[in-house]
Amino acid sequence: MAEALDLEIAFDEALTHVERLLATDMKTSDGASARPQLEKLEGELKSQRVRALKRGTIDREWFQKTLRWVVEWVPDTDLTLIASLGRIVRSAPPALS
């Protein structure tokens, strides 16, 4: 039960971080508005949160793909977004094989 709560909290913290970045008009590493990327990430986090809580773990393939995508556009000066995503994977129990 504690693992499910940790997973839920990690997703909620990542979503809160995305909302904060949307409010501050974050820029991508090339200087463009990050709003489209952040809105897409927000939608994916909400969807994956529901799925992860049902399954009890995250979709690791989704996570890896998403993390690679975020690294492409997040500026080097704001790696806290990547850290918030890392909390999700660290809080997830290992998938059953």
Protein backbone atom coordinates (compact mmCIF):
# COMPACT_ATOMS: atom_id res chain seq x y z
CA MET A 1 0.00 0.00 0.00
CA ALA A 2 2.85 2.38 0.80
CA GLU A 3 4.31 1.87 -2.69
CA ALA A 4 1.01 2.86 -4.32
CA LEU A 5 0.87 5.98 -2.17
CA ASP A 6 4.49 6.82 -3.04
CA LEU A 7 3.69 6.40 -6.73
CA GLU A 8 0.62 8.60 -6.47
CA ILE A 9 2.56 11.29 -4.62
CA ALA A 10 5.38 11.20 -7.20
CA PHE A 11 2.92 11.69 -10.08
CA ASP A 12 1.17 14.50 -8.20
CA GLU A 13 4.47 16.26 -7.53
CA ALA A 14 5.47 15.99 -11.19
CA LEU A 15 2.09 17.39 -12.26
CA THR A 16 2.44 20.27 -9.79
CA HIS A 17 5.89 21.00 -11.20
CA VAL A 18 4.54 21.06 -14.77
CA GLU A 19 1.75 23.43 -13.69
CA ARG A 20 4.33 25.73 -12.09
CA LEU A 21 6.41 25.76 -15.27
CA LEU A 22 3.32 26.54 -17.34
CA ALA A 23 2.57 29.49 -15.05
CA THR A 24 6.11 30.85 -15.45
CA ASP A 25 6.11 30.55 -19.25
CA MET A 26 9.09 28.23 -19.38
CA LYS A 27 11.23 28.34 -22.52
CA THR A 28 12.74 25.34 -24.29
CA SER A 29 16.49 24.92 -24.73
CA ASP A 30 16.21 26.75 -28.09
CA GLY A 31 14.33 29.70 -26.53
CA ALA A 32 10.82 28.90 -27.82
CA SER A 33 7.82 28.63 -25.53
CA ALA A 34 7.66 25.25 -23.81
CA ARG A 35 3.87 25.52 -23.43
CA PRO A 36 3.01 22.92 -26.12
CA GLN A 37 5.47 20.40 -24.71
CA LEU A 38 4.40 21.05 -21.12
CA GLU A 39 0.73 20.69 -22.00
CA LYS A 40 1.43 17.40 -23.77
CA LEU A 41 3.50 16.19 -20.81
CA GLU A 42 0.75 17.20 -18.40
CA GLY A 43 -1.82 15.18 -20.35
CA GLU A 44 0.45 12.14 -20.52
CA LEU A 45 1.24 12.33 -16.81
CA LYS A 46 -2.45 12.46 -15.93
CA SER A 47 -3.22 9.50 -18.18
CA GLN A 48 -0.26 7.43 -16.99
CA ARG A 49 -1.04 8.25 -13.36
CA VAL A 50 -4.44 6.57 -13.69
CA ARG A 51 -2.94 3.56 -15.46
CA ALA A 52 -0.06 3.23 -13.01
CA LEU A 53 -2.33 3.32 -9.99
CA LYS A 54 -4.52 0.60 -11.53
CA ARG A 55 -1.53 -1.62 -12.41
CA GLY A 56 0.52 -0.79 -9.35
CA THR A 57 3.56 0.16 -11.44
CA ILE A 58 4.50 2.40 -14.34
CA ASP A 59 4.85 1.58 -18.02
CA ARG A 60 8.64 1.61 -18.20
CA GLU A 61 8.66 1.88 -21.98
CA TRP A 62 6.46 5.00 -21.79
CA PHE A 63 8.70 6.43 -19.08
CA GLN A 64 11.91 5.91 -21.06
CA LYS A 65 10.40 7.39 -24.23
CA THR A 66 9.01 10.36 -22.32
CA LEU A 67 12.23 11.05 -20.47
CA ARG A 68 14.23 11.03 -23.73
CA TRP A 69 11.71 13.43 -25.26
CA VAL A 70 11.84 15.83 -22.28
CA VAL A 71 15.65 15.85 -22.31
CA GLU A 72 15.49 17.00 -25.94
CA TRP A 73 13.76 20.29 -25.11
CA VAL A 74 14.21 21.10 -21.43
CA PRO A 75 16.84 23.79 -20.85
CA ASP A 76 20.00 22.85 -18.98
CA THR A 77 19.12 25.53 -16.42
CA ASP A 78 15.95 23.72 -15.32
CA LEU A 79 16.69 20.07 -14.74
CA THR A 80 14.20 19.93 -11.87
CA LEU A 81 11.56 18.72 -14.33
CA ILE A 82 13.71 15.71 -15.13
CA ALA A 83 14.26 15.14 -11.42
CA SER A 84 10.51 15.15 -10.79
CA LEU A 85 10.09 12.48 -13.46
CA GLY A 86 12.88 10.48 -11.86
CA ARG A 87 10.92 10.39 -8.61
CA ILE A 88 8.14 8.59 -10.45
CA VAL A 89 10.35 5.75 -11.62
CA ARG A 90 12.09 5.48 -8.23
CA SER A 91 8.75 5.19 -6.43
CA ALA A 92 7.38 2.51 -8.76
CA PRO A 93 7.70 -1.10 -7.72
CA PRO A 94 9.42 -3.30 -10.30
CA ALA A 95 7.13 -4.73 -12.97
CA LEU A 96 6.36 -8.40 -12.78
CA SER A 97 8.14 -10.45 -15.43
